[in-house]
Amino acid sequence: MTAPRRVPPNVPRDVHEWERAPDAPQVQGGGIGMRAGTQMQPLGRALMVPPPWMYPPGDAARYIFREEDTTLAAGPVVQTELAGSVFQIPAQNVAVIRELNFSVNNMLITSDITFRVTFNQAPVEGYTFKLFPRAAASVSVAFPAESTVLHVPEAVRVAITVQVGDAGAYQVGCSWRGWFYSKDIHNRFKFYG
């Protein structure tokens, strides 16, 4: 039999698990409703399930990959929906967007370009991105999965729009990635989001 382990000074006195030898049977040290020296019953196993907006929930998820690039004639362009970015979330499903990417070719220091994520053609608060003007052949702005969790309600039409406020002509592009899953799965986790 090996020697008992020492209890660290920061562990409360009622925690006796540290005092037993690693190969000794587990005994309860007299907790509430237990007699000292009685055998502990296993509590079962816990299953850690990540929320469906962090990791796709198995077979229930359907991935969404949307991308578009288009050339806009000389501005100003009030607002244009990028056709390849449009996706209709099916009924009885919700979705999450985990990645956003925007790109522009031939930017100038006078460029005035704004991208927006829209739900049912209305801008989503906090998801309007004005690109910083600069002289560059190509500019890309990425919002990776580590920093992006955009919840999409049931049956919403998602799209990316671009607005050009100056007189330039640009090639613009966008892409986004996410997945959708049933409202039943969503309702099991909705209090944790």
C-alpha atoms as a PDB file:
ATOM      1  CA  MET A   1       0.000   0.000   0.000  1.00  0.00           C
ATOM      2  CA  THR A   2       1.363   3.432  -0.880  1.00  0.00           C
ATOM      3  CA  ALA A   3       1.578   6.325   1.538  1.00  0.00           C
ATOM      4  CA  PRO A   4      -1.384   8.699   1.729  1.00  0.00           C
ATOM      5  CA  ARG A   5      -1.142  11.947  -0.172  1.00  0.00           C
ATOM      6  CA  ARG A   6      -0.807  15.178   1.750  1.00  0.00           C
ATOM      7  CA  VAL A   7      -3.662  17.655   1.666  1.00  0.00           C
ATOM      8  CA  PRO A   8      -2.527  21.037   0.279  1.00  0.00           C
ATOM      9  CA  PRO A   9      -3.065  23.925   2.734  1.00  0.00           C
ATOM     10  CA  ASN A  10      -5.628  25.647   0.495  1.00  0.00           C
ATOM     11  CA  VAL A  11      -8.004  22.619   0.459  1.00  0.00           C
ATOM     12  CA  PRO A  12     -10.863  22.746   3.005  1.00  0.00           C
ATOM     13  CA  ARG A  13     -10.625  20.269   5.898  1.00  0.00           C
ATOM     14  CA  ASP A  14     -13.770  18.425   4.857  1.00  0.00           C
ATOM     15  CA  VAL A  15     -12.167  17.311   1.588  1.00  0.00           C
ATOM     16  CA  HIS A  16     -10.602  13.992   2.546  1.00  0.00           C
ATOM     17  CA  GLU A  17     -10.082  12.575  -0.920  1.00  0.00           C
ATOM     18  CA  TRP A  18      -6.481  13.795  -0.933  1.00  0.00           C
ATOM     19  CA  GLU A  19      -5.676  11.899   2.286  1.00  0.00           C
ATOM     20  CA  ARG A  20      -6.384   8.444   0.895  1.00  0.00           C
ATOM     21  CA  ALA A  21      -3.838   6.331  -0.880  1.00  0.00           C
ATOM     22  CA  PRO A  22      -4.316   6.240  -4.683  1.00  0.00           C
ATOM     23  CA  ASP A  23      -5.039   2.463  -4.623  1.00  0.00           C
ATOM     24  CA  ALA A  24      -7.370   2.553  -1.576  1.00  0.00           C
ATOM     25  CA  PRO A  25     -11.150   2.170  -2.061  1.00  0.00           C
ATOM     26  CA  GLN A  26     -13.109   5.405  -2.089  1.00  0.00           C
ATOM     27  CA  VAL A  27     -14.875   6.112   1.188  1.00  0.00           C
ATOM     28  CA  GLN A  28     -17.075   8.960   2.266  1.00  0.00           C
ATOM     29  CA  GLY A  29     -15.680  10.892   5.206  1.00  0.00           C
ATOM     30  CA  GLY A  30     -19.030  11.613   6.830  1.00  0.00           C
ATOM     31  CA  GLY A  31     -20.806  13.977   4.440  1.00  0.00           C
ATOM     32  CA  ILE A  32     -24.416  15.071   4.786  1.00  0.00           C
ATOM     33  CA  GLY A  33     -26.663  12.028   5.064  1.00  0.00           C
ATOM     34  CA  MET A  34     -23.734   9.578   5.011  1.00  0.00           C
ATOM     35  CA  ARG A  35     -22.156   7.634   7.872  1.00  0.00           C
ATOM     36  CA  ALA A  36     -18.400   7.857   8.156  1.00  0.00           C
ATOM     37  CA  GLY A  37     -16.657   4.990   6.395  1.00  0.00           C
ATOM     38  CA  THR A  38     -19.469   4.104   3.957  1.00  0.00           C
ATOM     39  CA  GLN A  39     -18.584   3.311   0.364  1.00  0.00           C
ATOM     40  CA  MET A  40     -19.163   6.165  -2.134  1.00  0.00           C
ATOM     41  CA  GLN A  41     -21.558   5.471  -4.965  1.00  0.00           C
ATOM     42  CA  PRO A  42     -20.484   6.563  -8.453  1.00  0.00           C
ATOM     43  CA  LEU A  43     -22.327   9.668  -9.579  1.00  0.00           C
ATOM     44  CA  GLY A  44     -22.448   8.680 -13.236  1.00  0.00           C
ATOM     45  CA  ARG A  45     -20.791  10.255 -16.220  1.00  0.00           C
ATOM     46  CA  ALA A  46     -21.189  13.754 -17.532  1.00  0.00           C
ATOM     47  CA  LEU A  47     -21.373  14.320 -21.254  1.00  0.00           C
ATOM     48  CA  MET A  48     -19.980  17.651 -22.414  1.00  0.00           C
ATOM     49  CA  VAL A  49     -21.893  18.841 -25.476  1.00  0.00           C
ATOM     50  CA  PRO A  50     -20.747  22.090 -27.077  1.00  0.00           C
ATOM     51  CA  PRO A  51     -23.470  24.543 -28.062  1.00  0.00           C
ATOM     52  CA  PRO A  52     -24.566  24.300 -31.704  1.00  0.00           C
ATOM     53  CA  TRP A  53     -23.312  27.801 -32.553  1.00  0.00           C
ATOM     54  CA  MET A  54     -19.747  26.854 -31.552  1.00  0.00           C
ATOM     55  CA  TYR A  55     -19.538  23.458 -33.291  1.00  0.00           C
ATOM     56  CA  PRO A  56     -22.002  21.994 -35.782  1.00  0.00           C
ATOM     57  CA  PRO A  57     -24.365  19.552 -34.054  1.00  0.00           C
ATOM     58  CA  GLY A  58     -23.509  16.367 -35.959  1.00  0.00           C
ATOM     59  CA  ASP A  59     -25.862  15.223 -38.693  1.00  0.00           C
ATOM     60  CA  ALA A  60     -28.370  17.938 -37.821  1.00  0.00           C
ATOM     61  CA  ALA A  61     -26.213  20.718 -39.295  1.00  0.00           C
ATOM     62  CA  ARG A  62     -26.130  21.823 -42.895  1.00  0.00           C
ATOM     63  CA  TYR A  63     -23.144  23.893 -43.899  1.00  0.00           C
ATOM     64  CA  ILE A  64     -23.501  27.194 -45.726  1.00  0.00           C
ATOM     65  CA  PHE A  65     -20.717  28.524 -47.960  1.00  0.00           C
ATOM     66  CA  ARG A  66     -21.615  31.686 -49.849  1.00  0.00           C
ATOM     67  CA  GLU A  67     -19.307  33.810 -51.980  1.00  0.00           C
ATOM     68  CA  GLU A  68     -19.529  36.414 -54.675  1.00  0.00           C
ATOM     69  CA  ASP A  69     -17.263  38.741 -56.580  1.00  0.00           C
ATOM     70  CA  THR A  70     -18.479  41.377 -58.973  1.00  0.00           C
ATOM     71  CA  THR A  71     -17.229  44.469 -60.746  1.00  0.00           C
ATOM     72  CA  LEU A  72     -19.068  47.675 -59.928  1.00  0.00           C
ATOM     73  CA  ALA A  73     -19.173  50.474 -62.487  1.00  0.00           C
ATOM     74  CA  ALA A  74     -18.069  53.967 -61.498  1.00  0.00           C
ATOM     75  CA  GLY A  75     -19.944  55.112 -58.362  1.00  0.00           C
ATOM     76  CA  PRO A  76     -21.535  56.358 -56.431  1.00  0.00           C
ATOM     77  CA  VAL A  77     -23.524  53.165 -55.854  1.00  0.00           C
ATOM     78  CA  VAL A  78     -26.238  53.568 -53.239  1.00  0.00           C
ATOM     79  CA  GLN A  79     -26.346  49.929 -52.168  1.00  0.00           C
ATOM     80  CA  THR A  80     -26.004  46.679 -54.096  1.00  0.00           C
ATOM     81  CA  GLU A  81     -26.763  43.211 -52.849  1.00  0.00           C
ATOM     82  CA  LEU A  82     -24.053  40.727 -53.794  1.00  0.00           C
ATOM     83  CA  ALA A  83     -26.121  37.970 -55.403  1.00  0.00           C
ATOM     84  CA  GLY A  84     -23.829  35.062 -54.519  1.00  0.00           C
ATOM     85  CA  SER A  85     -24.001  35.939 -50.819  1.00  0.00           C
ATOM     86  CA  VAL A  86     -27.770  35.428 -50.501  1.00  0.00           C
ATOM     87  CA  PHE A  87     -29.086  32.472 -48.490  1.00  0.00           C
ATOM     88  CA  GLN A  88     -32.600  31.767 -47.198  1.00  0.00           C
ATOM     89  CA  ILE A  89     -32.614  29.966 -43.836  1.00  0.00           C
ATOM     90  CA  PRO A  90     -35.205  27.153 -44.067  1.00  0.00           C
ATOM     91  CA  ALA A  91     -38.336  27.231 -41.902  1.00  0.00           C
ATOM     92  CA  GLN A  92     -38.004  25.484 -38.506  1.00  0.00           C
ATOM     93  CA  ASN A  93     -34.257  26.171 -38.582  1.00  0.00           C
ATOM     94  CA  VAL A  94     -31.904  28.788 -37.195  1.00  0.00           C
ATOM     95  CA  ALA A  95     -28.339  29.479 -38.286  1.00  0.00           C
ATOM     96  CA  VAL A  96     -25.020  30.863 -37.193  1.00  0.00           C
ATOM     97  CA  ILE A  97     -22.452  32.750 -39.282  1.00  0.00           C
ATOM     98  CA  ARG A  98     -18.909  31.999 -38.102  1.00  0.00           C
ATOM     99  CA  GLU A  99     -16.734  33.649 -40.781  1.00  0.00           C
ATOM    100  CA  LEU A 100     -16.949  36.834 -42.854  1.00  0.00           C
ATOM    101  CA  ASN A 101     -14.527  38.015 -45.548  1.00  0.00           C
ATOM    102  CA  PHE A 102     -14.615  41.191 -47.637  1.00  0.00           C
ATOM    103  CA  SER A 103     -12.272  42.181 -50.456  1.00  0.00           C
ATOM    104  CA  VAL A 104     -11.768  45.079 -52.859  1.00  0.00           C
ATOM    105  CA  ASN A 105      -9.384  45.463 -55.787  1.00  0.00           C
ATOM    106  CA  ASN A 106      -7.866  48.797 -56.911  1.00  0.00           C
ATOM    107  CA  MET A 107      -8.618  50.787 -53.765  1.00  0.00           C
ATOM    108  CA  LEU A 108      -7.627  54.456 -53.595  1.00  0.00           C
ATOM    109  CA  ILE A 109      -7.031  56.852 -50.719  1.00  0.00           C
ATOM    110  CA  THR A 110     -10.358  58.437 -51.681  1.00  0.00           C
ATOM    111  CA  SER A 111     -12.316  55.149 -51.642  1.00  0.00           C
ATOM    112  CA  ASP A 112     -15.555  55.083 -49.662  1.00  0.00           C
ATOM    113  CA  ILE A 113     -16.694  51.449 -49.499  1.00  0.00           C
ATOM    114  CA  THR A 114     -19.021  49.918 -46.901  1.00  0.00           C
ATOM    115  CA  PHE A 115     -20.096  46.277 -46.542  1.00  0.00           C
ATOM    116  CA  ARG A 116     -23.213  45.298 -44.563  1.00  0.00           C
ATOM    117  CA  VAL A 117     -24.654  41.999 -43.397  1.00  0.00           C
ATOM    118  CA  THR A 118     -28.426  42.133 -43.857  1.00  0.00           C
ATOM    119  CA  PHE A 119     -31.313  40.033 -42.555  1.00  0.00           C
ATOM    120  CA  ASN A 120     -34.420  40.364 -44.734  1.00  0.00           C
ATOM    121  CA  GLN A 121     -32.744  43.369 -46.428  1.00  0.00           C
ATOM    122  CA  ALA A 122     -32.296  45.269 -43.132  1.00  0.00           C
ATOM    123  CA  PRO A 123     -28.755  45.911 -41.818  1.00  0.00           C
ATOM    124  CA  VAL A 124     -27.736  43.834 -38.786  1.00  0.00           C
ATOM    125  CA  GLU A 125     -26.638  46.063 -35.916  1.00  0.00           C
ATOM    126  CA  GLY A 126     -22.884  45.859 -35.405  1.00  0.00           C
ATOM    127  CA  TYR A 127     -22.212  44.218 -38.787  1.00  0.00           C
ATOM    128  CA  THR A 128     -21.593  47.275 -40.975  1.00  0.00           C
ATOM    129  CA  PHE A 129     -17.934  47.465 -42.039  1.00  0.00           C
ATOM    130  CA  LYS A 130     -16.459  50.550 -43.671  1.00  0.00           C
ATOM    131  CA  LEU A 131     -13.092  49.750 -45.224  1.00  0.00           C
ATOM    132  CA  PHE A 132     -10.268  52.091 -44.350  1.00  0.00           C
ATOM    133  CA  PRO A 133      -9.279  53.917 -47.574  1.00  0.00           C
ATOM    134  CA  ARG A 134      -5.766  53.272 -48.871  1.00  0.00           C
ATOM    135  CA  ALA A 135      -3.911  52.996 -52.146  1.00  0.00           C
ATOM    136  CA  ALA A 136      -3.680  49.240 -52.669  1.00  0.00           C
ATOM    137  CA  ALA A 137      -4.100  46.787 -55.507  1.00  0.00           C
ATOM    138  CA  SER A 138      -6.036  44.411 -53.259  1.00  0.00           C
ATOM    139  CA  VAL A 139      -7.479  44.726 -49.755  1.00  0.00           C
ATOM    140  CA  SER A 140      -9.075  41.916 -47.759  1.00  0.00           C
ATOM    141  CA  VAL A 141     -10.636  42.033 -44.330  1.00  0.00           C
ATOM    142  CA  ALA A 142     -11.347  38.743 -42.569  1.00  0.00           C
ATOM    143  CA  PHE A 143     -13.395  38.010 -39.462  1.00  0.00           C
ATOM    144  CA  PRO A 144     -12.460  34.407 -38.552  1.00  0.00           C
ATOM    145  CA  ALA A 145     -14.459  31.879 -36.566  1.00  0.00           C
ATOM    146  CA  GLU A 146     -12.541  32.712 -33.372  1.00  0.00           C
ATOM    147  CA  SER A 147     -14.070  36.201 -33.330  1.00  0.00           C
ATOM    148  CA  THR A 148     -17.370  35.795 -35.178  1.00  0.00           C
ATOM    149  CA  VAL A 149     -20.622  34.338 -33.864  1.00  0.00           C
ATOM    150  CA  LEU A 150     -23.631  35.874 -35.595  1.00  0.00           C
ATOM    151  CA  HIS A 151     -26.935  34.188 -34.682  1.00  0.00           C
ATOM    152  CA  VAL A 152     -29.495  34.109 -37.502  1.00  0.00           C
ATOM    153  CA  PRO A 153     -33.204  33.718 -36.599  1.00  0.00           C
ATOM    154  CA  GLU A 154     -35.587  31.260 -38.245  1.00  0.00           C
ATOM    155  CA  ALA A 155     -36.496  31.696 -41.927  1.00  0.00           C
ATOM    156  CA  VAL A 156     -34.369  34.841 -42.424  1.00  0.00           C
ATOM    157  CA  ARG A 157     -32.912  35.840 -45.785  1.00  0.00           C
ATOM    158  CA  VAL A 158     -29.204  36.579 -45.270  1.00  0.00           C
ATOM    159  CA  ALA A 159     -27.226  38.715 -47.735  1.00  0.00           C
ATOM    160  CA  ILE A 160     -24.158  40.937 -47.962  1.00  0.00           C
ATOM    161  CA  THR A 161     -24.543  44.384 -49.504  1.00  0.00           C
ATOM    162  CA  VAL A 162     -21.907  46.867 -50.609  1.00  0.00           C
ATOM    163  CA  GLN A 163     -22.177  50.629 -50.901  1.00  0.00           C
ATOM    164  CA  VAL A 164     -19.679  52.789 -52.786  1.00  0.00           C
ATOM    165  CA  GLY A 165     -19.773  56.482 -51.871  1.00  0.00           C
ATOM    166  CA  ASP A 166     -17.086  57.778 -54.236  1.00  0.00           C
ATOM    167  CA  ALA A 167     -16.816  57.881 -58.030  1.00  0.00           C
ATOM    168  CA  GLY A 168     -14.470  54.882 -58.367  1.00  0.00           C
ATOM    169  CA  ALA A 169     -15.054  51.584 -60.159  1.00  0.00           C
ATOM    170  CA  TYR A 170     -14.088  48.525 -58.109  1.00  0.00           C
ATOM    171  CA  GLN A 171     -14.036  44.766 -58.133  1.00  0.00           C
ATOM    172  CA  VAL A 172     -15.539  43.724 -54.794  1.00  0.00           C
ATOM    173  CA  GLY A 173     -16.022  40.346 -53.208  1.00  0.00           C
ATOM    174  CA  CYS A 174     -17.324  38.704 -50.081  1.00  0.00           C
ATOM    175  CA  SER A 175     -17.714  35.297 -48.556  1.00  0.00           C
ATOM    176  CA  TRP A 176     -19.271  33.914 -45.443  1.00  0.00           C
ATOM    177  CA  ARG A 177     -19.473  30.525 -43.802  1.00  0.00           C
ATOM    178  CA  GLY A 178     -21.812  29.025 -41.255  1.00  0.00           C
ATOM    179  CA  TRP A 179     -24.391  26.326 -40.699  1.00  0.00           C
ATOM    180  CA  PHE A 180     -28.030  25.913 -39.856  1.00  0.00           C
ATOM    181  CA  TYR A 181     -29.754  23.483 -37.502  1.00  0.00           C
ATOM    182  CA  SER A 182     -33.227  22.755 -36.159  1.00  0.00           C
ATOM    183  CA  LYS A 183     -35.088  24.986 -33.738  1.00  0.00           C
ATOM    184  CA  ASP A 184     -35.402  21.967 -31.426  1.00  0.00           C
ATOM    185  CA  ILE A 185     -31.628  21.844 -31.007  1.00  0.00           C
ATOM    186  CA  HIS A 186     -31.546  25.633 -30.615  1.00  0.00           C
ATOM    187  CA  ASN A 187     -34.200  25.556 -27.871  1.00  0.00           C
ATOM    188  CA  ARG A 188     -32.155  23.093 -25.823  1.00  0.00           C
ATOM    189  CA  PHE A 189     -29.269  25.569 -25.697  1.00  0.00           C
ATOM    190  CA  LYS A 190     -30.921  28.990 -25.984  1.00  0.00           C
ATOM    191  CA  PHE A 191     -30.338  29.928 -22.334  1.00  0.00           C
ATOM    192  CA  TYR A 192     -26.571  29.444 -22.700  1.00  0.00           C
ATOM    193  CA  GLY A 193     -25.951  31.832 -25.613  1.00  0.00           C
END
